[in-house]
């Protein structure tokens, strides 16, 4: 039996994190969550995911700590991540 695919969800909105995590867990995925780009990068280094759901609108005090900056660093630093898909995600509040 194969182990379930690992998905990392990176978003600063707790409601979004929990909604995606619950839905994907119910589908049988091994889900990890990170509430900031830097925590997400740490997760990638410690346990490279099979896919990352990344909120592109997360802001940080520095460009290298933004979602896009951390995504680039993850691709460069982790060989396994290079072949894994990144799924950009964003929600709009009204």
Foldseek 3Di string as FASTA:
>chain_A
DDAAFEEEEEAQDPVVQVVVVVVVVVVPHRYHYHNFLVVSLVCCVVPNGLEYEFEQPDDDPDPCRHRVNSVVVSCVPDVNNVPHYYHYDHDDDD
